[in-house]
Protein backbone atom coordinates (compact mmCIF):
# COMPACT_ATOMS: atom_id res chain seq x y z
CA MET A 1 -7.52 -10.32 -7.11
CA CYS A 2 -9.55 -7.18 -6.69
CA LYS A 3 -11.97 -6.64 -9.53
CA TYR A 4 -12.24 -2.92 -10.18
CA LYS A 5 -14.04 -1.56 -13.25
CA ASP A 6 -13.42 -4.67 -15.34
CA THR A 7 -9.75 -4.75 -14.34
CA THR A 8 -8.08 -7.23 -12.05
CA LEU A 9 -5.75 -5.37 -9.68
CA GLY A 10 -3.10 -6.36 -7.21
CA ILE A 11 -0.16 -4.74 -5.43
CA LYS A 12 3.37 -5.53 -6.65
CA LYS A 13 5.42 -3.10 -4.55
CA ILE A 14 5.18 -0.23 -2.05
CA ASN A 15 7.57 2.72 -2.09
CA PHE A 16 7.90 5.47 0.53
CA SER A 17 10.60 7.53 -1.17
CA VAL A 18 8.49 8.89 -4.03
CA LYS A 19 7.60 12.08 -2.08
CA ARG A 20 7.81 13.05 1.59
CA GLY A 21 4.59 12.12 3.40
CA TYR A 22 3.34 9.90 0.58
CA MET A 23 3.48 6.24 -0.35
CA ALA A 24 3.36 4.79 -3.85
CA PHE A 25 1.68 1.52 -4.72
CA TYR A 26 2.83 -0.22 -7.88
CA LEU A 27 -0.12 -2.19 -9.20
CA THR A 28 -0.12 -5.34 -11.31
CA ASP A 29 -1.75 -3.52 -14.24
CA GLY A 30 1.22 -1.12 -14.47
CA ARG A 31 -0.32 1.88 -12.74
CA ILE A 32 1.23 3.68 -9.79
CA VAL A 33 -1.12 5.07 -7.16
CA VAL A 34 0.35 7.69 -4.79
CA VAL A 35 -1.52 8.40 -1.56
CA PRO A 36 -0.70 10.38 1.59
CA VAL A 37 0.67 8.30 4.45
CA SER A 38 -1.82 10.11 6.70
CA MET A 39 -4.51 8.00 5.02
CA PHE A 40 -3.13 5.09 7.05
CA PRO A 41 -2.62 6.38 10.64
CA ASP A 42 -0.93 3.18 11.85
CA VAL A 43 1.59 3.38 9.02
CA LYS A 44 2.21 7.09 9.63
CA ARG A 45 3.44 6.28 13.16
CA LEU A 46 6.02 3.77 11.91
CA THR A 47 9.69 4.64 11.64
CA LYS A 48 11.39 4.65 8.24
CA ALA A 49 12.95 1.25 8.95
CA GLN A 50 9.60 -0.20 10.07
CA ARG A 51 7.91 1.06 6.89
CA GLU A 52 10.45 -0.75 4.75
CA ASP A 53 9.56 -4.01 6.52
CA TYR A 54 6.24 -4.54 4.72
CA MET A 55 4.68 -7.66 3.31
CA ILE A 56 2.24 -8.12 0.43
CA MET A 57 -0.12 -11.07 0.70
CA ASP A 58 -1.85 -12.61 -2.34
CA ASP A 59 -1.30 -9.32 -4.25
CA GLN A 60 -4.38 -8.01 -2.43
CA TYR A 61 -3.32 -7.16 1.11
CA PHE A 62 -0.39 -5.48 2.79
CA SER A 63 0.83 -5.10 6.34
CA PHE A 64 3.94 -4.33 8.32
CA ASP A 65 5.78 -6.42 10.91
CA ALA A 66 5.40 -3.62 13.49
CA ILE A 67 1.58 -3.44 13.30
CA SER A 68 -1.20 -6.02 13.34
CA ARG A 69 -3.58 -4.27 10.93
CA ILE A 70 -3.96 -5.63 7.41
CA TYR A 71 -4.93 -3.26 4.59
CA SER A 72 -6.22 -4.14 1.14
CA VAL A 73 -5.84 -2.78 -2.37
CA LYS A 74 -9.40 -1.48 -1.98
CA ASP A 75 -8.22 0.71 0.92
CA VAL A 76 -5.65 2.29 -1.40
CA LEU A 77 -8.14 2.85 -4.21
CA SER A 78 -10.75 4.40 -1.92
CA TYR A 79 -8.66 7.57 -1.53
């Protein structure tokens, strides 16, 4: 788990329907972090169906079947 300011964080779920052009990350501590999709250029190029085909690994990392890049919870929190 990512240790951030004395809190252990992980990703539970990703949602693209919260607002057009944004993606929401539901974290294990109950917070929701909303970031622009443009922050992740590879993800921005995916179709809606490809975006829904994501995977979360060890609560710390996420990726999509259509791309080979793996992002981490730290990438989300660096926005």
